[in-house]
Amino acid sequence: MSSVKVRQVRSGIGQSPRHTRTLRALGLGKIGRSVEHADSPQLRGMLRRVSHLVTIEGKDV
């Protein structure tokens, strides 16, 4: 299974609570933090929700 590296580039301040909770569930919360997750359909859905706040690096992104 491939992995995906996610980095937060914009603040969650002023976003809906749903977006901020999604950032926290991804392991993010501060600008510049990055995490690596195994690629899955659930992860793709979370990234789609906060795509305007993060950058995504990895295979087949």
C-alpha atoms as a PDB file:
ATOM      1  CA  MET A   1       0.000   0.000   0.000  1.00  0.00           C
ATOM      2  CA  SER A   2       1.343   3.429  -0.876  1.00  0.00           C
ATOM      3  CA  SER A   3       1.697   6.237   1.598  1.00  0.00           C
ATOM      4  CA  VAL A   4       0.634   9.848   1.318  1.00  0.00           C
ATOM      5  CA  LYS A   5       2.429  12.783   2.919  1.00  0.00           C
ATOM      6  CA  VAL A   6       0.143  15.617   4.014  1.00  0.00           C
ATOM      7  CA  ARG A   7       1.329  19.082   5.049  1.00  0.00           C
ATOM      8  CA  GLN A   8      -0.859  21.843   6.474  1.00  0.00           C
ATOM      9  CA  VAL A   9      -0.357  25.133   4.624  1.00  0.00           C
ATOM     10  CA  ARG A  10      -3.312  27.215   5.829  1.00  0.00           C
ATOM     11  CA  SER A  11      -4.834  27.832   9.231  1.00  0.00           C
ATOM     12  CA  GLY A  12      -7.982  26.146  10.470  1.00  0.00           C
ATOM     13  CA  ILE A  13      -9.075  29.368  12.202  1.00  0.00           C
ATOM     14  CA  GLY A  14     -12.355  30.584  10.787  1.00  0.00           C
ATOM     15  CA  GLN A  15     -13.143  27.236   9.185  1.00  0.00           C
ATOM     16  CA  SER A  16     -16.167  25.182  10.078  1.00  0.00           C
ATOM     17  CA  PRO A  17     -15.818  22.920  13.128  1.00  0.00           C
ATOM     18  CA  ARG A  18     -16.054  19.948  10.781  1.00  0.00           C
ATOM     19  CA  HIS A  19     -12.905  21.072   8.963  1.00  0.00           C
ATOM     20  CA  THR A  20     -10.930  21.731  12.144  1.00  0.00           C
ATOM     21  CA  ARG A  21     -11.911  18.323  13.537  1.00  0.00           C
ATOM     22  CA  THR A  22     -10.788  16.697  10.298  1.00  0.00           C
ATOM     23  CA  LEU A  23      -7.402  18.424  10.558  1.00  0.00           C
ATOM     24  CA  ARG A  24      -6.999  17.146  14.119  1.00  0.00           C
ATOM     25  CA  ALA A  25      -7.984  13.621  13.060  1.00  0.00           C
ATOM     26  CA  LEU A  26      -5.272  13.754  10.387  1.00  0.00           C
ATOM     27  CA  GLY A  27      -2.711  14.663  13.064  1.00  0.00           C
ATOM     28  CA  LEU A  28      -2.389  18.273  11.961  1.00  0.00           C
ATOM     29  CA  GLY A  29      -3.269  21.518  13.716  1.00  0.00           C
ATOM     30  CA  LYS A  30      -0.474  23.985  13.083  1.00  0.00           C
ATOM     31  CA  ILE A  31       0.762  25.425   9.813  1.00  0.00           C
ATOM     32  CA  GLY A  32       3.843  23.612   8.556  1.00  0.00           C
ATOM     33  CA  ARG A  33       3.184  20.292  10.271  1.00  0.00           C
ATOM     34  CA  SER A  34       3.351  17.221   8.100  1.00  0.00           C
ATOM     35  CA  VAL A  35       2.261  13.633   8.615  1.00  0.00           C
ATOM     36  CA  GLU A  36       2.408  10.450   6.596  1.00  0.00           C
ATOM     37  CA  HIS A  37      -0.571   8.097   6.283  1.00  0.00           C
ATOM     38  CA  ALA A  38      -1.269   4.889   4.415  1.00  0.00           C
ATOM     39  CA  ASP A  39      -3.487   5.574   1.430  1.00  0.00           C
ATOM     40  CA  SER A  40      -7.114   4.484   1.854  1.00  0.00           C
ATOM     41  CA  PRO A  41     -10.576   5.576   0.703  1.00  0.00           C
ATOM     42  CA  GLN A  42     -11.270   7.020   4.161  1.00  0.00           C
ATOM     43  CA  LEU A  43      -8.126   9.134   4.028  1.00  0.00           C
ATOM     44  CA  ARG A  44      -8.995  10.353   0.533  1.00  0.00           C
ATOM     45  CA  GLY A  45     -12.385  11.548   1.792  1.00  0.00           C
ATOM     46  CA  MET A  46     -10.788  13.427   4.679  1.00  0.00           C
ATOM     47  CA  LEU A  47      -8.277  15.059   2.338  1.00  0.00           C
ATOM     48  CA  ARG A  48     -11.031  16.054  -0.063  1.00  0.00           C
ATOM     49  CA  ARG A  49     -12.795  17.869   2.775  1.00  0.00           C
ATOM     50  CA  VAL A  50      -9.745  19.942   3.764  1.00  0.00           C
ATOM     51  CA  SER A  51      -7.983  20.160   0.385  1.00  0.00           C
ATOM     52  CA  HIS A  52      -7.943  23.969   0.590  1.00  0.00           C
ATOM     53  CA  LEU A  53      -5.888  23.807   3.821  1.00  0.00           C
ATOM     54  CA  VAL A  54      -3.285  21.142   2.978  1.00  0.00           C
ATOM     55  CA  THR A  55      -0.860  20.029   0.284  1.00  0.00           C
ATOM     56  CA  ILE A  56      -0.619  16.365  -0.618  1.00  0.00           C
ATOM     57  CA  GLU A  57       2.469  14.519  -1.825  1.00  0.00           C
ATOM     58  CA  GLY A  58       2.760  10.892  -2.751  1.00  0.00           C
ATOM     59  CA  LYS A  59       2.188   8.330  -5.445  1.00  0.00           C
ATOM     60  CA  ASP A  60      -0.854   8.721  -7.712  1.00  0.00           C
ATOM     61  CA  VAL A  61      -2.047  11.908  -6.046  1.00  0.00           C
END
